[in-house]
Amino acid sequence: MKKVLCVVISLLMIAALFSGCSSSAPAAEAPETTAAAAPEAPVFTVAIVQQMDHASLDEIRNAISAELQAVAAEKGVTVNILESNGQNDATVLNQIGAQVVGDKVDMIIPIATLAAQCMVTAADGSGIPVVYAAISDPAAAGLTGLADVTGTSDALNTPFILDMMLSVQPDIKTVGLLYSNSEANSATPIAEAKAYLEEKGIAYLEKTGNTSGEITEAASSLVGRVDAVFTPTDNVVMGTEASVAEILNAAGIPHYTGADSFVQLGAFTTCGVNYTELGAKTADMAMDILLGGAVPEFHVMEGGIITVNTETAAVLGIDYSVFSTMANTVVEVTGE
């Protein structure tokens, strides 16, 4: 009996041993099924460098920023925008250029000619693309044939604006040419204006300045000596157009200009491009390059939009209804 009891106890101990081993053995682990991490969306840093403050350049900057963000959202990327203003000072612009290149931004978008020239110089050899905005004559400004440099042009149709002048002032005798001789944008259209007026047998009187005070003084010196004044897309004159318009309008002298921002500040009329569209086009070109596209040649914006300040027209007593036969679009503005 004792032998049987010992055998039973032994069997129970062996069963308990195997049972314990079974419960303590680790369960087989399921193979890992970790998914591959999704690639991070690209993040770009773009420096927008505005030459100076005035309505046209502000409009372009706002349009560029808005379009960059809209396209970035559409493409699933992020664009960080750095904005700078050179206050029309080459020294300041050069400092900004050195800073953004040192920060290794992915692209520089300068607005207006002097800003573009300074940024191209700063970015030379860095591989950073420069996409400029609102350059009236890229070739004359030395902005063509360069690697990683392109942009948009608001080239002015000078003969057409002077045709507008003759359509409402057919008996004009002398035209004042008011511009800054330091503004690269003005060189070609002023030469075109001289050639046009000489061909028509119309005299012209040139007055220039490089500061707001000099431009205001130049405008005053034209009073009593000219029948109309022409100014191209000159940023220096634009900076003081409110004062220029006040002087010329009080003297009954129409001011024909190169951009609608002049007209919004009191000049009589212009025929040019839509600067919101120009800014959007510049941003589209920039985003295409950032996303791997080739650097294209610069793009000349289509103009043909006549803008008239109706308050100024009333002060001058000018009937501009003929303009509707000269262009598909005539925009009327009042005041600022």
C-alpha atoms as a PDB file:
ATOM      1  CA  MET A   1       0.000   0.000   0.000  1.00  0.00           C
ATOM      2  CA  LYS A   2       2.791   2.345   0.829  1.00  0.00           C
ATOM      3  CA  LYS A   3       4.400   1.552  -2.522  1.00  0.00           C
ATOM      4  CA  VAL A   4       1.167   2.378  -4.361  1.00  0.00           C
ATOM      5  CA  LEU A   5       0.819   5.613  -2.430  1.00  0.00           C
ATOM      6  CA  CYS A   6       4.390   6.619  -3.291  1.00  0.00           C
ATOM      7  CA  VAL A   7       3.778   5.943  -6.988  1.00  0.00           C
ATOM      8  CA  VAL A   8       0.604   8.070  -6.957  1.00  0.00           C
ATOM      9  CA  ILE A   9       2.386  10.947  -5.215  1.00  0.00           C
ATOM     10  CA  SER A  10       5.262  10.732  -7.700  1.00  0.00           C
ATOM     11  CA  LEU A  11       2.852  10.859 -10.644  1.00  0.00           C
ATOM     12  CA  LEU A  12       1.068  13.878  -9.171  1.00  0.00           C
ATOM     13  CA  MET A  13       4.363  15.707  -8.677  1.00  0.00           C
ATOM     14  CA  ILE A  14       5.445  15.018 -12.267  1.00  0.00           C
ATOM     15  CA  ALA A  15       2.071  16.261 -13.596  1.00  0.00           C
ATOM     16  CA  ALA A  16       2.366  19.421 -11.487  1.00  0.00           C
ATOM     17  CA  LEU A  17       5.894  19.994 -12.781  1.00  0.00           C
ATOM     18  CA  PHE A  18       4.859  19.769 -16.426  1.00  0.00           C
ATOM     19  CA  SER A  19       1.801  21.933 -15.741  1.00  0.00           C
ATOM     20  CA  GLY A  20       3.974  24.644 -14.184  1.00  0.00           C
ATOM     21  CA  CYS A  21       6.409  24.599 -17.064  1.00  0.00           C
ATOM     22  CA  SER A  22       3.567  24.944 -19.523  1.00  0.00           C
ATOM     23  CA  SER A  23       2.050  27.957 -17.778  1.00  0.00           C
ATOM     24  CA  SER A  24       5.363  29.789 -17.374  1.00  0.00           C
ATOM     25  CA  ALA A  25       6.537  29.383 -20.979  1.00  0.00           C
ATOM     26  CA  PRO A  26       6.308  32.680 -22.868  1.00  0.00           C
ATOM     27  CA  ALA A  27       3.613  32.855 -25.527  1.00  0.00           C
ATOM     28  CA  ALA A  28       4.831  32.969 -29.068  1.00  0.00           C
ATOM     29  CA  GLU A  29       5.037  36.636 -30.178  1.00  0.00           C
ATOM     30  CA  ALA A  30       3.213  37.727 -33.320  1.00  0.00           C
ATOM     31  CA  PRO A  31       5.550  38.962 -36.000  1.00  0.00           C
ATOM     32  CA  GLU A  32       5.968  42.752 -35.984  1.00  0.00           C
ATOM     33  CA  THR A  33       3.983  44.591 -38.644  1.00  0.00           C
ATOM     34  CA  THR A  34       5.348  48.169 -38.195  1.00  0.00           C
ATOM     35  CA  ALA A  35       4.266  50.347 -41.158  1.00  0.00           C
ATOM     36  CA  ALA A  36       6.911  52.409 -42.971  1.00  0.00           C
ATOM     37  CA  ALA A  37       6.918  56.038 -41.765  1.00  0.00           C
ATOM     38  CA  ALA A  38       5.329  58.461 -44.247  1.00  0.00           C
ATOM     39  CA  PRO A  39       7.821  60.963 -45.750  1.00  0.00           C
ATOM     40  CA  GLU A  40       7.648  64.443 -44.250  1.00  0.00           C
ATOM     41  CA  ALA A  41       6.150  67.174 -46.451  1.00  0.00           C
ATOM     42  CA  PRO A  42       8.779  69.604 -47.791  1.00  0.00           C
ATOM     43  CA  VAL A  43       9.234  72.916 -46.004  1.00  0.00           C
ATOM     44  CA  PHE A  44      10.572  75.892 -48.004  1.00  0.00           C
ATOM     45  CA  THR A  45      11.764  79.284 -46.822  1.00  0.00           C
ATOM     46  CA  VAL A  46      11.247  82.134 -49.269  1.00  0.00           C
ATOM     47  CA  ALA A  47      12.574  85.679 -48.804  1.00  0.00           C
ATOM     48  CA  ILE A  48      10.456  88.416 -50.405  1.00  0.00           C
ATOM     49  CA  VAL A  49      12.524  91.597 -50.682  1.00  0.00           C
ATOM     50  CA  GLN A  50      10.614  94.763 -51.581  1.00  0.00           C
ATOM     51  CA  GLN A  51      12.614  97.692 -52.910  1.00  0.00           C
ATOM     52  CA  MET A  52      10.539 100.363 -51.158  1.00  0.00           C
ATOM     53  CA  ASP A  53       7.071 101.248 -49.927  1.00  0.00           C
ATOM     54  CA  HIS A  54       4.452 102.295 -52.437  1.00  0.00           C
ATOM     55  CA  ALA A  55       1.066 101.090 -53.595  1.00  0.00           C
ATOM     56  CA  SER A  56       2.113  99.053 -56.640  1.00  0.00           C
ATOM     57  CA  LEU A  57       4.924  97.207 -54.869  1.00  0.00           C
ATOM     58  CA  ASP A  58       2.715  96.586 -51.836  1.00  0.00           C
ATOM     59  CA  GLU A  59       0.046  95.111 -54.129  1.00  0.00           C
ATOM     60  CA  ILE A  60       2.603  92.828 -55.759  1.00  0.00           C
ATOM     61  CA  ARG A  61       4.003  91.654 -52.405  1.00  0.00           C
ATOM     62  CA  ASN A  62       0.558  90.839 -51.065  1.00  0.00           C
ATOM     63  CA  ALA A  63      -0.330  88.915 -54.232  1.00  0.00           C
ATOM     64  CA  ILE A  64       2.918  86.925 -54.120  1.00  0.00           C
ATOM     65  CA  SER A  65       2.414  85.943 -50.476  1.00  0.00           C
ATOM     66  CA  ALA A  66      -1.212  84.942 -51.001  1.00  0.00           C
ATOM     67  CA  GLU A  67      -0.470  82.835 -54.077  1.00  0.00           C
ATOM     68  CA  LEU A  68       2.551  81.113 -52.488  1.00  0.00           C
ATOM     69  CA  GLN A  69       0.411  79.990 -49.572  1.00  0.00           C
ATOM     70  CA  ALA A  70      -2.484  78.937 -51.810  1.00  0.00           C
ATOM     71  CA  VAL A  71      -0.286  76.789 -54.054  1.00  0.00           C
ATOM     72  CA  ALA A  72       1.598  75.367 -51.051  1.00  0.00           C
ATOM     73  CA  ALA A  73      -1.686  74.225 -49.508  1.00  0.00           C
ATOM     74  CA  GLU A  74      -2.745  72.683 -52.807  1.00  0.00           C
ATOM     75  CA  LYS A  75       0.553  70.798 -53.169  1.00  0.00           C
ATOM     76  CA  GLY A  76       0.763  69.711 -49.522  1.00  0.00           C
ATOM     77  CA  VAL A  77       3.954  71.607 -48.733  1.00  0.00           C
ATOM     78  CA  THR A  78       4.836  74.399 -46.303  1.00  0.00           C
ATOM     79  CA  VAL A  79       6.230  77.791 -47.281  1.00  0.00           C
ATOM     80  CA  ASN A  80       7.698  80.084 -44.640  1.00  0.00           C
ATOM     81  CA  ILE A  81       7.885  83.660 -45.920  1.00  0.00           C
ATOM     82  CA  LEU A  82      10.434  86.252 -44.756  1.00  0.00           C
ATOM     83  CA  GLU A  83       9.600  89.832 -45.806  1.00  0.00           C
ATOM     84  CA  SER A  84      12.104  92.698 -45.990  1.00  0.00           C
ATOM     85  CA  ASN A  85      11.996  96.274 -47.297  1.00  0.00           C
ATOM     86  CA  GLY A  86      15.075  98.066 -48.571  1.00  0.00           C
ATOM     87  CA  GLN A  87      13.576 101.598 -48.423  1.00  0.00           C
ATOM     88  CA  ASN A  88      15.074 102.245 -51.877  1.00  0.00           C
ATOM     89  CA  ASP A  89      18.585 102.179 -50.395  1.00  0.00           C
ATOM     90  CA  ALA A  90      21.168 100.007 -52.154  1.00  0.00           C
ATOM     91  CA  THR A  91      23.229  99.659 -48.970  1.00  0.00           C
ATOM     92  CA  VAL A  92      20.239  98.350 -47.041  1.00  0.00           C
ATOM     93  CA  LEU A  93      19.284  96.019 -49.887  1.00  0.00           C
ATOM     94  CA  ASN A  94      22.812  94.611 -50.044  1.00  0.00           C
ATOM     95  CA  GLN A  95      22.695  93.952 -46.299  1.00  0.00           C
ATOM     96  CA  ILE A  96      19.367  92.165 -46.699  1.00  0.00           C
ATOM     97  CA  GLY A  97      20.830  90.093 -49.538  1.00  0.00           C
ATOM     98  CA  ALA A  98      23.801  89.026 -47.436  1.00  0.00           C
ATOM     99  CA  GLN A  99      21.476  88.108 -44.561  1.00  0.00           C
ATOM    100  CA  VAL A 100      19.046  85.933 -46.539  1.00  0.00           C
ATOM    101  CA  VAL A 101      21.855  84.175 -48.394  1.00  0.00           C
ATOM    102  CA  GLY A 102      23.585  83.544 -45.063  1.00  0.00           C
ATOM    103  CA  ASP A 103      20.319  82.123 -43.749  1.00  0.00           C
ATOM    104  CA  LYS A 104      20.340  79.690 -46.702  1.00  0.00           C
ATOM    105  CA  VAL A 105      16.794  80.445 -47.809  1.00  0.00           C
ATOM    106  CA  ASP A 106      15.420  78.287 -50.599  1.00  0.00           C
ATOM    107  CA  MET A 107      14.488  81.205 -52.861  1.00  0.00           C
ATOM    108  CA  ILE A 108      14.619  85.005 -53.063  1.00  0.00           C
ATOM    109  CA  ILE A 109      11.813  87.012 -54.673  1.00  0.00           C
ATOM    110  CA  PRO A 110      12.866  90.668 -55.105  1.00  0.00           C
ATOM    111  CA  ILE A 111      10.285  93.267 -56.147  1.00  0.00           C
ATOM    112  CA  ALA A 112      11.482  96.063 -58.489  1.00  0.00           C
ATOM    113  CA  THR A 113      14.737  96.562 -60.347  1.00  0.00           C
ATOM    114  CA  LEU A 114      17.203  97.774 -57.723  1.00  0.00           C
ATOM    115  CA  ALA A 115      16.086  95.062 -55.302  1.00  0.00           C
ATOM    116  CA  ALA A 116      16.507  92.437 -58.033  1.00  0.00           C
ATOM    117  CA  GLN A 117      19.993  93.622 -58.944  1.00  0.00           C
ATOM    118  CA  CYS A 118      21.127  93.561 -55.314  1.00  0.00           C
ATOM    119  CA  MET A 119      19.639  90.112 -54.672  1.00  0.00           C
ATOM    120  CA  VAL A 120      21.176  88.623 -57.815  1.00  0.00           C
ATOM    121  CA  THR A 121      24.579  89.926 -56.735  1.00  0.00           C
ATOM    122  CA  ALA A 122      24.132  88.545 -53.209  1.00  0.00           C
ATOM    123  CA  ALA A 123      22.983  85.119 -54.430  1.00  0.00           C
ATOM    124  CA  ASP A 124      25.709  84.723 -57.064  1.00  0.00           C
ATOM    125  CA  GLY A 125      27.404  81.340 -56.602  1.00  0.00           C
ATOM    126  CA  SER A 126      25.060  80.250 -53.798  1.00  0.00           C
ATOM    127  CA  GLY A 127      22.716  78.203 -55.969  1.00  0.00           C
ATOM    128  CA  ILE A 128      19.706  80.046 -54.504  1.00  0.00           C
ATOM    129  CA  PRO A 129      17.176  80.822 -57.266  1.00  0.00           C
ATOM    130  CA  VAL A 130      16.069  84.441 -57.704  1.00  0.00           C
ATOM    131  CA  VAL A 131      12.598  85.045 -59.164  1.00  0.00           C
ATOM    132  CA  TYR A 132      12.089  88.799 -59.574  1.00  0.00           C
ATOM    133  CA  ALA A 133       8.843  90.738 -59.949  1.00  0.00           C
ATOM    134  CA  ALA A 134       7.955  93.889 -61.923  1.00  0.00           C
ATOM    135  CA  ILE A 135      11.142  94.552 -63.878  1.00  0.00           C
ATOM    136  CA  SER A 136      10.261  96.848 -66.769  1.00  0.00           C
ATOM    137  CA  ASP A 137      13.370  96.020 -68.810  1.00  0.00           C
ATOM    138  CA  PRO A 138      15.197  92.887 -67.555  1.00  0.00           C
ATOM    139  CA  ALA A 139      17.809  93.022 -70.323  1.00  0.00           C
ATOM    140  CA  ALA A 140      18.758  96.647 -69.665  1.00  0.00           C
ATOM    141  CA  ALA A 141      18.913  95.875 -65.936  1.00  0.00           C
ATOM    142  CA  GLY A 142      21.406  93.038 -66.530  1.00  0.00           C
ATOM    143  CA  LEU A 143      18.966  90.365 -65.344  1.00  0.00           C
ATOM    144  CA  THR A 144      18.926  88.080 -68.375  1.00  0.00           C
ATOM    145  CA  GLY A 145      21.190  85.183 -69.325  1.00  0.00           C
ATOM    146  CA  LEU A 146      21.953  84.363 -65.676  1.00  0.00           C
ATOM    147  CA  ALA A 147      21.731  80.921 -64.085  1.00  0.00           C
ATOM    148  CA  ASP A 148      18.877  80.489 -61.607  1.00  0.00           C
ATOM    149  CA  VAL A 149      17.462  83.962 -62.349  1.00  0.00           C
ATOM    150  CA  THR A 150      14.044  84.653 -63.889  1.00  0.00           C
ATOM    151  CA  GLY A 151      10.816  86.507 -63.120  1.00  0.00           C
ATOM    152  CA  THR A 152       8.094  88.761 -64.457  1.00  0.00           C
ATOM    153  CA  SER A 153       8.259  91.979 -66.449  1.00  0.00           C
ATOM    154  CA  ASP A 154       5.782  94.857 -66.494  1.00  0.00           C
ATOM    155  CA  ALA A 155       7.262  96.275 -69.707  1.00  0.00           C
ATOM    156  CA  LEU A 156       5.536  99.542 -70.578  1.00  0.00           C
ATOM    157  CA  ASN A 157       3.876 100.275 -73.924  1.00  0.00           C
ATOM    158  CA  THR A 158       5.117 103.880 -74.072  1.00  0.00           C
ATOM    159  CA  PRO A 159       3.830 104.713 -77.579  1.00  0.00           C
ATOM    160  CA  PHE A 160       0.325 103.593 -76.611  1.00  0.00           C
ATOM    161  CA  ILE A 161       0.251 105.878 -73.550  1.00  0.00           C
ATOM    162  CA  LEU A 162       1.380 108.797 -75.701  1.00  0.00           C
ATOM    163  CA  ASP A 163      -1.299 107.855 -78.243  1.00  0.00           C
ATOM    164  CA  MET A 164      -3.773 108.190 -75.376  1.00  0.00           C
ATOM    165  CA  MET A 165      -2.366 111.627 -74.639  1.00  0.00           C
ATOM    166  CA  LEU A 166      -2.848 112.817 -78.219  1.00  0.00           C
ATOM    167  CA  SER A 167      -6.353 111.342 -78.367  1.00  0.00           C
ATOM    168  CA  VAL A 168      -7.531 113.794 -75.678  1.00  0.00           C
ATOM    169  CA  GLN A 169      -4.969 116.568 -76.255  1.00  0.00           C
ATOM    170  CA  PRO A 170      -4.502 116.660 -80.051  1.00  0.00           C
ATOM    171  CA  ASP A 171      -3.041 120.195 -80.034  1.00  0.00           C
ATOM    172  CA  ILE A 172      -0.359 119.519 -77.443  1.00  0.00           C
ATOM    173  CA  LYS A 173       2.867 121.483 -77.956  1.00  0.00           C
ATOM    174  CA  THR A 174       5.275 120.485 -75.143  1.00  0.00           C
ATOM    175  CA  VAL A 175       5.443 117.404 -72.931  1.00  0.00           C
ATOM    176  CA  GLY A 176       7.309 117.233 -69.643  1.00  0.00           C
ATOM    177  CA  LEU A 177       9.305 114.076 -68.948  1.00  0.00           C
ATOM    178  CA  LEU A 178       9.459 113.612 -65.177  1.00  0.00           C
ATOM    179  CA  TYR A 179      11.584 110.734 -63.874  1.00  0.00           C
ATOM    180  CA  SER A 180      14.541 109.686 -61.744  1.00  0.00           C
ATOM    181  CA  ASN A 181      17.829 109.270 -63.581  1.00  0.00           C
ATOM    182  CA  SER A 182      18.841 106.641 -61.020  1.00  0.00           C
ATOM    183  CA  GLU A 183      15.815 104.446 -61.768  1.00  0.00           C
ATOM    184  CA  ALA A 184      16.689 101.706 -64.276  1.00  0.00           C
ATOM    185  CA  ASN A 185      13.007 101.139 -65.047  1.00  0.00           C
ATOM    186  CA  SER A 186      12.795 104.603 -66.596  1.00  0.00           C
ATOM    187  CA  ALA A 187      15.686 104.491 -69.077  1.00  0.00           C
ATOM    188  CA  THR A 188      14.030 102.605 -71.941  1.00  0.00           C
ATOM    189  CA  PRO A 189      10.544 104.219 -71.790  1.00  0.00           C
ATOM    190  CA  ILE A 190      12.029 107.716 -71.577  1.00  0.00           C
ATOM    191  CA  ALA A 191      14.131 106.974 -74.679  1.00  0.00           C
ATOM    192  CA  GLU A 192      10.984 105.661 -76.383  1.00  0.00           C
ATOM    193  CA  ALA A 193       9.047 108.783 -75.381  1.00  0.00           C
ATOM    194  CA  LYS A 194      11.716 111.069 -76.830  1.00  0.00           C
ATOM    195  CA  ALA A 195      11.735 109.160 -80.114  1.00  0.00           C
ATOM    196  CA  TYR A 196       7.921 109.256 -80.302  1.00  0.00           C
ATOM    197  CA  LEU A 197       7.680 112.995 -79.573  1.00  0.00           C
ATOM    198  CA  GLU A 198      10.471 113.847 -82.006  1.00  0.00           C
ATOM    199  CA  GLU A 199       8.694 111.897 -84.742  1.00  0.00           C
ATOM    200  CA  LYS A 200       5.467 113.798 -84.025  1.00  0.00           C
ATOM    201  CA  GLY A 201       7.249 117.166 -83.942  1.00  0.00           C
ATOM    202  CA  ILE A 202       6.317 117.721 -80.286  1.00  0.00           C
ATOM    203  CA  ALA A 203       8.791 119.408 -77.956  1.00  0.00           C
ATOM    204  CA  TYR A 204       9.728 117.898 -74.612  1.00  0.00           C
ATOM    205  CA  LEU A 205      11.312 119.150 -71.403  1.00  0.00           C
ATOM    206  CA  GLU A 206      13.147 116.748 -69.072  1.00  0.00           C
ATOM    207  CA  LYS A 207      13.152 117.156 -65.311  1.00  0.00           C
ATOM    208  CA  THR A 208      14.689 114.601 -62.950  1.00  0.00           C
ATOM    209  CA  GLY A 209      15.427 114.009 -59.291  1.00  0.00           C
ATOM    210  CA  ASN A 210      16.639 111.247 -57.012  1.00  0.00           C
ATOM    211  CA  THR A 211      14.814 112.132 -53.789  1.00  0.00           C
ATOM    212  CA  SER A 212      11.229 113.005 -52.969  1.00  0.00           C
ATOM    213  CA  GLY A 213      12.176 116.652 -52.482  1.00  0.00           C
ATOM    214  CA  GLU A 214      13.986 116.810 -55.807  1.00  0.00           C
ATOM    215  CA  ILE A 215      11.063 115.202 -57.634  1.00  0.00           C
ATOM    216  CA  THR A 216       8.575 117.637 -56.088  1.00  0.00           C
ATOM    217  CA  GLU A 217      10.803 120.547 -57.069  1.00  0.00           C
ATOM    218  CA  ALA A 218      11.147 119.151 -60.591  1.00  0.00           C
ATOM    219  CA  ALA A 219       7.359 118.870 -60.932  1.00  0.00           C
ATOM    220  CA  SER A 220       6.941 122.477 -59.799  1.00  0.00           C
ATOM    221  CA  SER A 221       9.486 123.639 -62.380  1.00  0.00           C
ATOM    222  CA  LEU A 222       7.318 122.190 -65.179  1.00  0.00           C
ATOM    223  CA  VAL A 223       4.319 124.379 -64.319  1.00  0.00           C
ATOM    224  CA  GLY A 224       3.637 126.979 -66.996  1.00  0.00           C
ATOM    225  CA  ARG A 225       6.093 125.344 -69.389  1.00  0.00           C
ATOM    226  CA  VAL A 226       4.407 122.103 -70.524  1.00  0.00           C
ATOM    227  CA  ASP A 227       0.925 120.939 -71.590  1.00  0.00           C
ATOM    228  CA  ALA A 228       1.223 117.420 -70.146  1.00  0.00           C
ATOM    229  CA  VAL A 229       3.690 115.275 -68.190  1.00  0.00           C
ATOM    230  CA  PHE A 230       4.767 111.693 -68.826  1.00  0.00           C
ATOM    231  CA  THR A 231       6.337 109.457 -66.148  1.00  0.00           C
ATOM    232  CA  PRO A 232       7.092 105.726 -66.704  1.00  0.00           C
ATOM    233  CA  THR A 233       7.058 103.054 -63.966  1.00  0.00           C
ATOM    234  CA  ASP A 234       9.485 105.109 -61.889  1.00  0.00           C
ATOM    235  CA  ASN A 235       9.617 104.056 -58.237  1.00  0.00           C
ATOM    236  CA  VAL A 236      11.157 107.313 -57.023  1.00  0.00           C
ATOM    237  CA  VAL A 237       8.425 109.443 -58.585  1.00  0.00           C
ATOM    238  CA  MET A 238       5.816 106.974 -57.352  1.00  0.00           C
ATOM    239  CA  GLY A 239       7.047 107.512 -53.810  1.00  0.00           C
ATOM    240  CA  THR A 240       5.962 111.160 -53.955  1.00  0.00           C
ATOM    241  CA  GLU A 241       3.128 111.002 -56.507  1.00  0.00           C
ATOM    242  CA  ALA A 242       0.527 112.448 -54.122  1.00  0.00           C
ATOM    243  CA  SER A 243       2.518 115.698 -53.990  1.00  0.00           C
ATOM    244  CA  VAL A 244       3.297 115.643 -57.715  1.00  0.00           C
ATOM    245  CA  ALA A 245      -0.366 115.140 -58.602  1.00  0.00           C
ATOM    246  CA  GLU A 246      -1.416 118.004 -56.346  1.00  0.00           C
ATOM    247  CA  ILE A 247       1.048 120.347 -58.083  1.00  0.00           C
ATOM    248  CA  LEU A 248       0.177 119.303 -61.626  1.00  0.00           C
ATOM    249  CA  ASN A 249      -3.592 119.113 -61.139  1.00  0.00           C
ATOM    250  CA  ALA A 250      -3.663 122.598 -59.596  1.00  0.00           C
ATOM    251  CA  ALA A 251      -1.859 123.858 -62.698  1.00  0.00           C
ATOM    252  CA  GLY A 252      -4.238 122.036 -65.065  1.00  0.00           C
ATOM    253  CA  ILE A 253      -1.506 119.695 -66.363  1.00  0.00           C
ATOM    254  CA  PRO A 254      -2.501 116.035 -67.006  1.00  0.00           C
ATOM    255  CA  HIS A 255      -0.050 113.445 -65.714  1.00  0.00           C
ATOM    256  CA  TYR A 256       0.259 110.300 -67.886  1.00  0.00           C
ATOM    257  CA  THR A 257       2.029 107.523 -65.986  1.00  0.00           C
ATOM    258  CA  GLY A 258       3.287 103.948 -66.114  1.00  0.00           C
ATOM    259  CA  ALA A 259       1.197 102.273 -63.387  1.00  0.00           C
ATOM    260  CA  ASP A 260      -2.261 102.442 -61.856  1.00  0.00           C
ATOM    261  CA  SER A 261      -0.813 103.215 -58.423  1.00  0.00           C
ATOM    262  CA  PHE A 262       0.076 106.711 -59.708  1.00  0.00           C
ATOM    263  CA  VAL A 263      -3.511 107.187 -60.853  1.00  0.00           C
ATOM    264  CA  GLN A 264      -4.914 106.093 -57.512  1.00  0.00           C
ATOM    265  CA  LEU A 265      -2.846 108.881 -55.952  1.00  0.00           C
ATOM    266  CA  GLY A 266      -4.113 111.580 -58.314  1.00  0.00           C
ATOM    267  CA  ALA A 267      -2.392 111.219 -61.699  1.00  0.00           C
ATOM    268  CA  PHE A 268      -4.734 111.412 -64.688  1.00  0.00           C
ATOM    269  CA  THR A 269      -4.296 108.073 -66.457  1.00  0.00           C
ATOM    270  CA  THR A 270      -2.166 105.080 -67.411  1.00  0.00           C
ATOM    271  CA  CYS A 271      -2.247 101.929 -69.473  1.00  0.00           C
ATOM    272  CA  GLY A 272      -0.432  99.005 -67.927  1.00  0.00           C
ATOM    273  CA  VAL A 273      -0.599  95.604 -66.277  1.00  0.00           C
ATOM    274  CA  ASN A 274      -2.642  94.247 -63.393  1.00  0.00           C
ATOM    275  CA  TYR A 275      -0.175  94.025 -60.494  1.00  0.00           C
ATOM    276  CA  THR A 276      -2.188  91.445 -58.573  1.00  0.00           C
ATOM    277  CA  GLU A 277      -1.991  89.168 -61.601  1.00  0.00           C
ATOM    278  CA  LEU A 278       1.733  89.917 -61.922  1.00  0.00           C
ATOM    279  CA  GLY A 279       2.321  88.952 -58.293  1.00  0.00           C
ATOM    280  CA  ALA A 280       0.368  85.712 -58.688  1.00  0.00           C
ATOM    281  CA  LYS A 281       2.286  84.806 -61.848  1.00  0.00           C
ATOM    282  CA  THR A 282       5.589  85.455 -60.071  1.00  0.00           C
ATOM    283  CA  ALA A 283       4.555  83.183 -57.204  1.00  0.00           C
ATOM    284  CA  ASP A 284       3.448  80.428 -59.599  1.00  0.00           C
ATOM    285  CA  MET A 285       6.846  80.523 -61.325  1.00  0.00           C
ATOM    286  CA  ALA A 286       8.584  80.426 -57.940  1.00  0.00           C
ATOM    287  CA  MET A 287       6.593  77.440 -56.657  1.00  0.00           C
ATOM    288  CA  ASP A 288       7.188  75.498 -59.851  1.00  0.00           C
ATOM    289  CA  ILE A 289      10.953  75.947 -59.413  1.00  0.00           C
ATOM    290  CA  LEU A 290      10.824  75.048 -55.704  1.00  0.00           C
ATOM    291  CA  LEU A 291       8.994  71.823 -56.572  1.00  0.00           C
ATOM    292  CA  GLY A 292      11.684  70.785 -59.042  1.00  0.00           C
ATOM    293  CA  GLY A 293      10.736  72.545 -62.253  1.00  0.00           C
ATOM    294  CA  ALA A 294      13.265  74.086 -64.625  1.00  0.00           C
ATOM    295  CA  VAL A 295      14.053  77.804 -64.462  1.00  0.00           C
ATOM    296  CA  PRO A 296      12.185  79.395 -67.415  1.00  0.00           C
ATOM    297  CA  GLU A 297      12.884  82.665 -69.230  1.00  0.00           C
ATOM    298  CA  PHE A 298      11.316  85.787 -67.768  1.00  0.00           C
ATOM    299  CA  HIS A 299       7.644  86.382 -68.501  1.00  0.00           C
ATOM    300  CA  VAL A 300       6.275  89.654 -69.904  1.00  0.00           C
ATOM    301  CA  MET A 301       2.829  90.383 -68.499  1.00  0.00           C
ATOM    302  CA  GLU A 302       0.061  91.361 -70.871  1.00  0.00           C
ATOM    303  CA  GLY A 303      -1.022  94.986 -70.382  1.00  0.00           C
ATOM    304  CA  GLY A 304      -3.776  96.899 -72.106  1.00  0.00           C
ATOM    305  CA  ILE A 305      -5.674  98.015 -68.987  1.00  0.00           C
ATOM    306  CA  ILE A 306      -6.432 101.772 -69.031  1.00  0.00           C
ATOM    307  CA  THR A 307      -6.971 103.308 -65.612  1.00  0.00           C
ATOM    308  CA  VAL A 308      -8.426 106.817 -65.212  1.00  0.00           C
ATOM    309  CA  ASN A 309      -8.834 108.936 -62.101  1.00  0.00           C
ATOM    310  CA  THR A 310     -12.297 110.404 -62.660  1.00  0.00           C
ATOM    311  CA  GLU A 311     -11.852 113.134 -60.021  1.00  0.00           C
ATOM    312  CA  THR A 312      -8.658 114.288 -61.720  1.00  0.00           C
ATOM    313  CA  ALA A 313     -10.337 114.159 -65.141  1.00  0.00           C
ATOM    314  CA  ALA A 314     -13.103 116.421 -63.801  1.00  0.00           C
ATOM    315  CA  VAL A 315     -10.578 118.894 -62.360  1.00  0.00           C
ATOM    316  CA  LEU A 316      -8.736 118.981 -65.687  1.00  0.00           C
ATOM    317  CA  GLY A 317     -11.935 119.136 -67.740  1.00  0.00           C
ATOM    318  CA  ILE A 318     -10.913 116.198 -69.927  1.00  0.00           C
ATOM    319  CA  ASP A 319     -13.421 113.969 -71.732  1.00  0.00           C
ATOM    320  CA  TYR A 320     -11.740 110.555 -71.846  1.00  0.00           C
ATOM    321  CA  SER A 321     -14.602 108.629 -73.474  1.00  0.00           C
ATOM    322  CA  VAL A 322     -12.345 107.957 -76.482  1.00  0.00           C
ATOM    323  CA  PHE A 323     -10.307 105.585 -74.277  1.00  0.00           C
ATOM    324  CA  SER A 324     -13.094 102.997 -74.480  1.00  0.00           C
ATOM    325  CA  THR A 325     -12.357 102.650 -78.206  1.00  0.00           C
ATOM    326  CA  MET A 326      -8.640 102.107 -77.537  1.00  0.00           C
ATOM    327  CA  ALA A 327      -8.745  99.262 -75.004  1.00  0.00           C
ATOM    328  CA  ASN A 328     -11.018  96.441 -73.918  1.00  0.00           C
ATOM    329  CA  THR A 329     -10.764  97.460 -70.279  1.00  0.00           C
ATOM    330  CA  VAL A 330     -11.090 100.959 -68.826  1.00  0.00           C
ATOM    331  CA  VAL A 331     -10.978 101.117 -65.035  1.00  0.00           C
ATOM    332  CA  GLU A 332     -12.225 104.250 -63.269  1.00  0.00           C
ATOM    333  CA  VAL A 333     -10.852 105.155 -59.837  1.00  0.00           C
ATOM    334  CA  THR A 334     -11.378 108.070 -57.480  1.00  0.00           C
ATOM    335  CA  GLY A 335      -9.014 109.476 -54.891  1.00  0.00           C
ATOM    336  CA  GLU A 336      -6.541 107.254 -53.082  1.00  0.00           C
END
